[in-house]
Amino acid sequence: MNTTAVAPLTAADAEALILAARRAADQAGVPVSISVLDAGGHLLAFRRDERALLISGETSTAKAYTALQLNAPTADLADLVKPEGPFHSLPTALHKPLLFIAGGVPIHRDGQLIGALGIGGGAPEQDHSFAQTALQAL
C-alpha cells in the first residue's frame, strides 16, 4: 500500500490546464468550455469561450466528472454504454449524470488520481485531443 502523500491539484495547476487547452482549441479555431475538477469532484476552474455553445459548459463538467468517477478517459468508455455494453444502465443509475462522450480525462500525479479535465464544444475527437494536449502542461 502506497502511503506517500501526493500533492493535490492546485488552482495554479488548473489555470495551466485551462491555458493549454484554450491554446490548443484556439489553434484549431474551435470555441470550447473547459472544466477542471479536484479529486473530490468539485469544480476548481472553469472557462467558456464566449462563442462556445452554452451547453458546452455543462458537457465539459459532466465529461470531467465521468472521467474522475471511472478513472478513465471518456473516449475509452463510450462503447461500454451502448445497448449491449456492460455499463448500459449506468448513465441513468446515479444521482449525478455521467456523460460518455470523448473530452473528459482523469488527471494523475505520481500514479494517483488527483482530478479531471473536461472539454466541450468541438467534435468529441477534437475535445479529447485538446484535453490530451492540456495534460502535458502538468
N, C-alpha and C. Protein backbone atom coordinates (compact mmCIF):
# COMPACT_ATOMS: atom_id res chain seq x y z
N MET A 1 0.84 -1.18 0.00
CA MET A 1 0.00 0.00 0.00
C MET A 1 0.89 1.24 0.00
N ASN A 2 0.60 2.16 -0.91
CA ASN A 2 1.38 3.39 -1.01
C ASN A 2 0.83 4.43 -0.03
N THR A 3 1.64 4.84 0.93
CA THR A 3 1.20 5.82 1.92
C THR A 3 1.83 7.18 1.69
N THR A 4 2.55 7.33 0.58
CA THR A 4 3.18 8.60 0.27
C THR A 4 2.12 9.61 -0.16
N ALA A 5 2.13 10.76 0.48
CA ALA A 5 1.17 11.80 0.13
C ALA A 5 1.53 12.41 -1.23
N VAL A 6 0.52 12.58 -2.05
CA VAL A 6 0.69 13.20 -3.36
C VAL A 6 0.07 14.58 -3.30
N ALA A 7 0.76 15.56 -3.83
CA ALA A 7 0.24 16.93 -3.82
C ALA A 7 -1.08 16.99 -4.59
N PRO A 8 -2.09 17.63 -4.01
CA PRO A 8 -3.38 17.73 -4.70
C PRO A 8 -3.29 18.68 -5.90
N LEU A 9 -4.30 18.63 -6.71
CA LEU A 9 -4.41 19.54 -7.84
C LEU A 9 -4.62 20.95 -7.28
N THR A 10 -3.83 21.90 -7.72
CA THR A 10 -3.93 23.27 -7.21
C THR A 10 -4.63 24.18 -8.20
N ALA A 11 -4.97 25.36 -7.73
CA ALA A 11 -5.56 26.37 -8.62
C ALA A 11 -4.57 26.73 -9.72
N ALA A 12 -3.29 26.77 -9.40
CA ALA A 12 -2.27 27.07 -10.42
C ALA A 12 -2.22 25.96 -11.47
N ASP A 13 -2.33 24.70 -11.02
CA ASP A 13 -2.39 23.57 -11.96
C ASP A 13 -3.60 23.72 -12.88
N ALA A 14 -4.74 24.05 -12.27
CA ALA A 14 -5.98 24.18 -13.04
C ALA A 14 -5.86 25.29 -14.08
N GLU A 15 -5.26 26.39 -13.70
CA GLU A 15 -5.09 27.50 -14.65
C GLU A 15 -4.15 27.12 -15.78
N ALA A 16 -3.10 26.35 -15.47
CA ALA A 16 -2.18 25.88 -16.51
C ALA A 16 -2.91 24.96 -17.49
N LEU A 17 -3.78 24.10 -16.96
CA LEU A 17 -4.56 23.20 -17.82
C LEU A 17 -5.51 23.99 -18.72
N ILE A 18 -6.17 24.97 -18.15
CA ILE A 18 -7.09 25.79 -18.94
C ILE A 18 -6.34 26.55 -20.03
N LEU A 19 -5.22 27.13 -19.67
CA LEU A 19 -4.43 27.88 -20.66
C LEU A 19 -3.99 26.96 -21.80
N ALA A 20 -3.50 25.78 -21.49
CA ALA A 20 -3.03 24.85 -22.52
C ALA A 20 -4.19 24.34 -23.38
N ALA A 21 -5.32 24.06 -22.76
CA ALA A 21 -6.49 23.60 -23.52
C ALA A 21 -7.02 24.71 -24.42
N ARG A 22 -7.07 25.92 -23.90
CA ARG A 22 -7.54 27.06 -24.72
C ARG A 22 -6.61 27.29 -25.89
N ARG A 23 -5.32 27.19 -25.66
CA ARG A 23 -4.35 27.38 -26.74
C ARG A 23 -4.57 26.35 -27.85
N ALA A 24 -4.76 25.09 -27.46
CA ALA A 24 -4.99 24.02 -28.45
C ALA A 24 -6.29 24.26 -29.21
N ALA A 25 -7.34 24.61 -28.50
CA ALA A 25 -8.63 24.85 -29.15
C ALA A 25 -8.58 26.09 -30.05
N ASP A 26 -7.92 27.14 -29.58
CA ASP A 26 -7.80 28.36 -30.38
C ASP A 26 -7.04 28.09 -31.67
N GLN A 27 -5.97 27.30 -31.59
CA GLN A 27 -5.19 26.97 -32.79
C GLN A 27 -6.03 26.22 -33.80
N ALA A 28 -7.00 25.45 -33.32
CA ALA A 28 -7.89 24.69 -34.21
C ALA A 28 -9.11 25.52 -34.60
N GLY A 29 -9.26 26.70 -34.01
CA GLY A 29 -10.41 27.54 -34.32
C GLY A 29 -11.71 27.02 -33.76
N VAL A 30 -11.64 26.33 -32.61
CA VAL A 30 -12.82 25.72 -32.01
C VAL A 30 -13.13 26.39 -30.67
N PRO A 31 -14.30 27.03 -30.54
CA PRO A 31 -14.68 27.62 -29.25
C PRO A 31 -15.15 26.52 -28.28
N VAL A 32 -14.56 26.48 -27.10
CA VAL A 32 -14.86 25.40 -26.15
C VAL A 32 -15.09 25.94 -24.73
N SER A 33 -15.63 25.06 -23.92
CA SER A 33 -15.70 25.25 -22.48
C SER A 33 -14.76 24.23 -21.86
N ILE A 34 -14.11 24.62 -20.76
CA ILE A 34 -13.13 23.78 -20.09
C ILE A 34 -13.45 23.74 -18.60
N SER A 35 -13.54 22.55 -18.05
CA SER A 35 -13.80 22.37 -16.63
C SER A 35 -12.68 21.55 -16.01
N VAL A 36 -12.23 21.98 -14.83
CA VAL A 36 -11.23 21.24 -14.07
C VAL A 36 -11.83 20.92 -12.71
N LEU A 37 -11.86 19.63 -12.37
CA LEU A 37 -12.38 19.18 -11.08
C LEU A 37 -11.25 18.68 -10.20
N ASP A 38 -11.39 18.88 -8.90
CA ASP A 38 -10.41 18.31 -7.98
C ASP A 38 -10.77 16.84 -7.72
N ALA A 39 -10.00 16.18 -6.88
CA ALA A 39 -10.19 14.75 -6.63
C ALA A 39 -11.55 14.44 -6.00
N GLY A 40 -12.16 15.42 -5.34
CA GLY A 40 -13.48 15.21 -4.74
C GLY A 40 -14.62 15.48 -5.69
N GLY A 41 -14.31 15.86 -6.93
CA GLY A 41 -15.34 16.14 -7.92
C GLY A 41 -15.87 17.56 -7.88
N HIS A 42 -15.16 18.43 -7.16
CA HIS A 42 -15.59 19.83 -7.05
C HIS A 42 -14.92 20.67 -8.14
N LEU A 43 -15.68 21.62 -8.67
CA LEU A 43 -15.16 22.48 -9.72
C LEU A 43 -14.05 23.36 -9.16
N LEU A 44 -12.87 23.25 -9.75
CA LEU A 44 -11.71 24.02 -9.33
C LEU A 44 -11.50 25.21 -10.26
N ALA A 45 -11.78 25.01 -11.54
CA ALA A 45 -11.64 26.10 -12.51
C ALA A 45 -12.56 25.83 -13.70
N PHE A 46 -13.01 26.90 -14.33
CA PHE A 46 -13.90 26.79 -15.48
C PHE A 46 -13.67 27.98 -16.39
N ARG A 47 -13.71 27.72 -17.67
CA ARG A 47 -13.60 28.81 -18.66
C ARG A 47 -14.43 28.44 -19.88
N ARG A 48 -15.31 29.34 -20.30
CA ARG A 48 -16.08 29.15 -21.52
C ARG A 48 -15.77 30.27 -22.48
N ASP A 49 -15.35 29.89 -23.68
CA ASP A 49 -15.16 30.86 -24.75
C ASP A 49 -16.53 31.48 -25.01
N GLU A 50 -16.59 32.78 -25.12
CA GLU A 50 -17.88 33.45 -25.31
C GLU A 50 -18.60 33.00 -26.58
N ARG A 51 -17.89 32.39 -27.51
CA ARG A 51 -18.50 31.89 -28.75
C ARG A 51 -18.95 30.44 -28.64
N ALA A 52 -18.58 29.78 -27.57
CA ALA A 52 -18.94 28.36 -27.40
C ALA A 52 -20.43 28.22 -27.11
N LEU A 53 -20.98 27.12 -27.57
CA LEU A 53 -22.37 26.84 -27.26
C LEU A 53 -22.56 26.81 -25.74
N LEU A 54 -23.69 27.32 -25.27
CA LEU A 54 -23.94 27.36 -23.83
C LEU A 54 -23.89 25.97 -23.20
N ILE A 55 -24.42 24.97 -23.89
CA ILE A 55 -24.45 23.62 -23.33
C ILE A 55 -23.05 23.05 -23.12
N SER A 56 -22.06 23.60 -23.82
CA SER A 56 -20.70 23.07 -23.68
C SER A 56 -20.17 23.24 -22.26
N GLY A 57 -20.68 24.22 -21.54
CA GLY A 57 -20.29 24.38 -20.13
C GLY A 57 -20.73 23.19 -19.29
N GLU A 58 -21.94 22.73 -19.54
CA GLU A 58 -22.45 21.57 -18.81
C GLU A 58 -21.76 20.29 -19.27
N THR A 59 -21.56 20.16 -20.58
CA THR A 59 -20.96 18.92 -21.06
C THR A 59 -19.50 18.80 -20.63
N SER A 60 -18.77 19.93 -20.59
CA SER A 60 -17.38 19.85 -20.16
C SER A 60 -17.28 19.38 -18.71
N THR A 61 -18.18 19.87 -17.87
CA THR A 61 -18.17 19.47 -16.47
C THR A 61 -18.60 18.01 -16.30
N ALA A 62 -19.61 17.59 -17.05
CA ALA A 62 -20.08 16.20 -16.96
C ALA A 62 -19.02 15.23 -17.48
N LYS A 63 -18.30 15.62 -18.53
CA LYS A 63 -17.22 14.77 -19.05
C LYS A 63 -16.11 14.62 -18.00
N ALA A 64 -15.74 15.73 -17.36
CA ALA A 64 -14.71 15.68 -16.33
C ALA A 64 -15.17 14.78 -15.17
N TYR A 65 -16.41 14.94 -14.75
CA TYR A 65 -16.94 14.15 -13.63
C TYR A 65 -16.94 12.66 -13.97
N THR A 66 -17.31 12.33 -15.19
CA THR A 66 -17.32 10.93 -15.62
C THR A 66 -15.91 10.35 -15.63
N ALA A 67 -14.97 11.12 -16.18
CA ALA A 67 -13.57 10.66 -16.21
C ALA A 67 -13.03 10.46 -14.80
N LEU A 68 -13.42 11.34 -13.88
CA LEU A 68 -12.97 11.24 -12.50
C LEU A 68 -13.56 10.01 -11.82
N GLN A 69 -14.86 9.83 -11.93
CA GLN A 69 -15.53 8.72 -11.24
C GLN A 69 -15.08 7.36 -11.73
N LEU A 70 -14.78 7.25 -13.03
CA LEU A 70 -14.38 5.96 -13.59
C LEU A 70 -12.88 5.86 -13.83
N ASN A 71 -12.15 6.95 -13.50
CA ASN A 71 -10.70 6.99 -13.63
C ASN A 71 -10.25 6.52 -15.01
N ALA A 72 -10.92 7.08 -16.03
CA ALA A 72 -10.61 6.70 -17.41
C ALA A 72 -11.05 7.82 -18.34
N PRO A 73 -10.37 7.97 -19.46
CA PRO A 73 -10.82 8.95 -20.46
C PRO A 73 -12.21 8.57 -20.97
N THR A 74 -13.07 9.55 -21.12
CA THR A 74 -14.42 9.26 -21.60
C THR A 74 -14.39 8.68 -23.01
N ALA A 75 -13.35 8.99 -23.78
CA ALA A 75 -13.22 8.43 -25.12
C ALA A 75 -13.12 6.91 -25.07
N ASP A 76 -12.60 6.37 -23.98
CA ASP A 76 -12.42 4.92 -23.84
C ASP A 76 -13.68 4.23 -23.31
N LEU A 77 -14.68 5.02 -22.92
CA LEU A 77 -15.84 4.45 -22.24
C LEU A 77 -17.11 4.41 -23.09
N ALA A 78 -17.12 5.10 -24.21
CA ALA A 78 -18.36 5.25 -24.99
C ALA A 78 -18.99 3.92 -25.38
N ASP A 79 -18.20 2.94 -25.77
CA ASP A 79 -18.77 1.65 -26.19
C ASP A 79 -19.39 0.88 -25.02
N LEU A 80 -18.98 1.19 -23.80
CA LEU A 80 -19.48 0.44 -22.64
C LEU A 80 -20.94 0.74 -22.32
N VAL A 81 -21.46 1.87 -22.82
CA VAL A 81 -22.85 2.24 -22.52
C VAL A 81 -23.80 1.99 -23.68
N LYS A 82 -23.29 1.39 -24.74
CA LYS A 82 -24.18 1.00 -25.83
C LYS A 82 -25.13 -0.08 -25.33
N PRO A 83 -26.26 -0.29 -26.02
CA PRO A 83 -27.24 -1.26 -25.51
C PRO A 83 -26.69 -2.63 -25.13
N GLU A 84 -25.65 -3.11 -25.83
CA GLU A 84 -25.08 -4.41 -25.50
C GLU A 84 -23.91 -4.31 -24.51
N GLY A 85 -23.57 -3.08 -24.10
CA GLY A 85 -22.41 -2.87 -23.24
C GLY A 85 -22.69 -3.15 -21.77
N PRO A 86 -21.63 -3.44 -21.00
CA PRO A 86 -21.79 -3.77 -19.57
C PRO A 86 -22.23 -2.59 -18.70
N PHE A 87 -22.05 -1.36 -19.17
CA PHE A 87 -22.45 -0.17 -18.41
C PHE A 87 -23.71 0.47 -18.98
N HIS A 88 -24.49 -0.29 -19.75
CA HIS A 88 -25.65 0.26 -20.46
C HIS A 88 -26.55 1.11 -19.57
N SER A 89 -26.83 0.67 -18.36
CA SER A 89 -27.75 1.41 -17.49
C SER A 89 -27.05 2.44 -16.60
N LEU A 90 -25.75 2.50 -16.62
CA LEU A 90 -25.01 3.39 -15.73
C LEU A 90 -25.34 4.87 -15.89
N PRO A 91 -25.51 5.39 -17.10
CA PRO A 91 -25.79 6.83 -17.22
C PRO A 91 -27.06 7.28 -16.49
N THR A 92 -28.02 6.41 -16.30
CA THR A 92 -29.26 6.80 -15.64
C THR A 92 -29.39 6.23 -14.22
N ALA A 93 -28.40 5.50 -13.76
CA ALA A 93 -28.49 4.82 -12.47
C ALA A 93 -28.05 5.69 -11.30
N LEU A 94 -27.35 6.77 -11.57
CA LEU A 94 -26.76 7.56 -10.50
C LEU A 94 -27.44 8.91 -10.33
N HIS A 95 -27.24 9.50 -9.17
CA HIS A 95 -27.82 10.81 -8.88
C HIS A 95 -27.24 11.90 -9.78
N LYS A 96 -25.94 11.89 -9.95
CA LYS A 96 -25.27 12.88 -10.79
C LYS A 96 -25.02 12.27 -12.17
N PRO A 97 -25.40 12.97 -13.22
CA PRO A 97 -25.28 12.36 -14.56
C PRO A 97 -23.84 12.18 -15.02
N LEU A 98 -23.63 11.08 -15.71
CA LEU A 98 -22.36 10.78 -16.36
C LEU A 98 -22.54 11.04 -17.85
N LEU A 99 -21.46 11.40 -18.52
CA LEU A 99 -21.53 11.68 -19.96
C LEU A 99 -20.43 10.91 -20.66
N PHE A 100 -20.82 9.98 -21.48
CA PHE A 100 -19.88 9.08 -22.15
C PHE A 100 -19.58 9.57 -23.56
N ILE A 101 -19.07 10.78 -23.66
CA ILE A 101 -18.66 11.38 -24.92
C ILE A 101 -17.21 11.83 -24.74
N ALA A 102 -16.37 11.60 -25.73
CA ALA A 102 -14.95 11.95 -25.63
C ALA A 102 -14.77 13.42 -25.27
N GLY A 103 -13.75 13.67 -24.43
CA GLY A 103 -13.43 15.03 -24.00
C GLY A 103 -13.14 15.14 -22.52
N GLY A 104 -13.33 14.05 -21.78
CA GLY A 104 -13.01 14.03 -20.35
C GLY A 104 -11.81 13.13 -20.11
N VAL A 105 -10.88 13.60 -19.28
CA VAL A 105 -9.70 12.80 -18.95
C VAL A 105 -9.38 12.92 -17.46
N PRO A 106 -8.98 11.81 -16.84
CA PRO A 106 -8.54 11.90 -15.45
C PRO A 106 -7.16 12.56 -15.38
N ILE A 107 -6.85 13.14 -14.25
CA ILE A 107 -5.55 13.77 -14.03
C ILE A 107 -4.84 13.00 -12.92
N HIS A 108 -3.64 12.53 -13.22
CA HIS A 108 -2.85 11.76 -12.24
C HIS A 108 -1.56 12.50 -11.89
N ARG A 109 -1.13 12.30 -10.67
CA ARG A 109 0.19 12.78 -10.24
C ARG A 109 0.82 11.63 -9.47
N ASP A 110 2.00 11.25 -9.90
CA ASP A 110 2.72 10.13 -9.26
C ASP A 110 1.84 8.89 -9.17
N GLY A 111 1.06 8.67 -10.24
CA GLY A 111 0.23 7.48 -10.31
C GLY A 111 -1.08 7.54 -9.55
N GLN A 112 -1.37 8.66 -8.89
CA GLN A 112 -2.61 8.78 -8.12
C GLN A 112 -3.55 9.77 -8.79
N LEU A 113 -4.83 9.45 -8.74
CA LEU A 113 -5.87 10.29 -9.31
C LEU A 113 -6.02 11.56 -8.46
N ILE A 114 -5.84 12.73 -9.08
CA ILE A 114 -5.94 13.99 -8.32
C ILE A 114 -7.01 14.93 -8.88
N GLY A 115 -7.69 14.53 -9.96
CA GLY A 115 -8.72 15.38 -10.52
C GLY A 115 -9.06 14.94 -11.93
N ALA A 116 -9.77 15.83 -12.64
CA ALA A 116 -10.15 15.51 -14.01
C ALA A 116 -10.36 16.80 -14.79
N LEU A 117 -10.20 16.68 -16.09
CA LEU A 117 -10.35 17.79 -17.03
C LEU A 117 -11.42 17.40 -18.04
N GLY A 118 -12.32 18.32 -18.33
CA GLY A 118 -13.35 18.08 -19.33
C GLY A 118 -13.42 19.23 -20.32
N ILE A 119 -13.57 18.90 -21.58
CA ILE A 119 -13.68 19.91 -22.63
C ILE A 119 -14.90 19.60 -23.47
N GLY A 120 -15.68 20.63 -23.75
CA GLY A 120 -16.87 20.50 -24.60
C GLY A 120 -16.94 21.65 -25.57
N GLY A 121 -17.50 21.40 -26.72
CA GLY A 121 -17.70 22.47 -27.70
C GLY A 121 -17.28 22.09 -29.10
N GLY A 122 -16.31 21.21 -29.20
CA GLY A 122 -15.88 20.74 -30.51
C GLY A 122 -16.47 19.37 -30.78
N ALA A 123 -16.03 18.75 -31.86
CA ALA A 123 -16.38 17.35 -32.09
C ALA A 123 -15.73 16.54 -30.98
N PRO A 124 -16.31 15.41 -30.59
CA PRO A 124 -15.72 14.63 -29.50
C PRO A 124 -14.23 14.35 -29.66
N GLU A 125 -13.80 14.02 -30.88
CA GLU A 125 -12.39 13.72 -31.11
C GLU A 125 -11.53 14.96 -30.87
N GLN A 126 -12.06 16.13 -31.24
CA GLN A 126 -11.32 17.38 -31.01
C GLN A 126 -11.20 17.65 -29.51
N ASP A 127 -12.31 17.52 -28.80
CA ASP A 127 -12.30 17.77 -27.35
C ASP A 127 -11.30 16.86 -26.66
N HIS A 128 -11.28 15.59 -27.06
CA HIS A 128 -10.33 14.63 -26.46
C HIS A 128 -8.89 15.06 -26.77
N SER A 129 -8.64 15.46 -27.99
CA SER A 129 -7.30 15.89 -28.38
C SER A 129 -6.86 17.12 -27.58
N PHE A 130 -7.76 18.08 -27.40
CA PHE A 130 -7.42 19.28 -26.63
C PHE A 130 -7.11 18.92 -25.18
N ALA A 131 -7.88 17.99 -24.63
CA ALA A 131 -7.65 17.55 -23.24
C ALA A 131 -6.32 16.84 -23.10
N GLN A 132 -6.01 15.96 -24.04
CA GLN A 132 -4.73 15.25 -24.00
C GLN A 132 -3.56 16.24 -24.10
N THR A 133 -3.69 17.22 -24.97
CA THR A 133 -2.66 18.25 -25.12
C THR A 133 -2.50 19.02 -23.82
N ALA A 134 -3.61 19.39 -23.19
CA ALA A 134 -3.57 20.17 -21.95
C ALA A 134 -2.88 19.41 -20.83
N LEU A 135 -3.08 18.08 -20.76
CA LEU A 135 -2.45 17.30 -19.69
C LEU A 135 -0.93 17.41 -19.71
N GLN A 136 -0.37 17.67 -20.87
CA GLN A 136 1.08 17.81 -20.98
C GLN A 136 1.60 19.06 -20.26
N ALA A 137 0.69 19.97 -19.90
CA ALA A 137 1.10 21.20 -19.20
C ALA A 137 1.48 20.93 -17.74
N LEU A 138 1.05 19.79 -17.21
CA LEU A 138 1.35 19.50 -15.79
C LEU A 138 2.66 18.74 -15.67
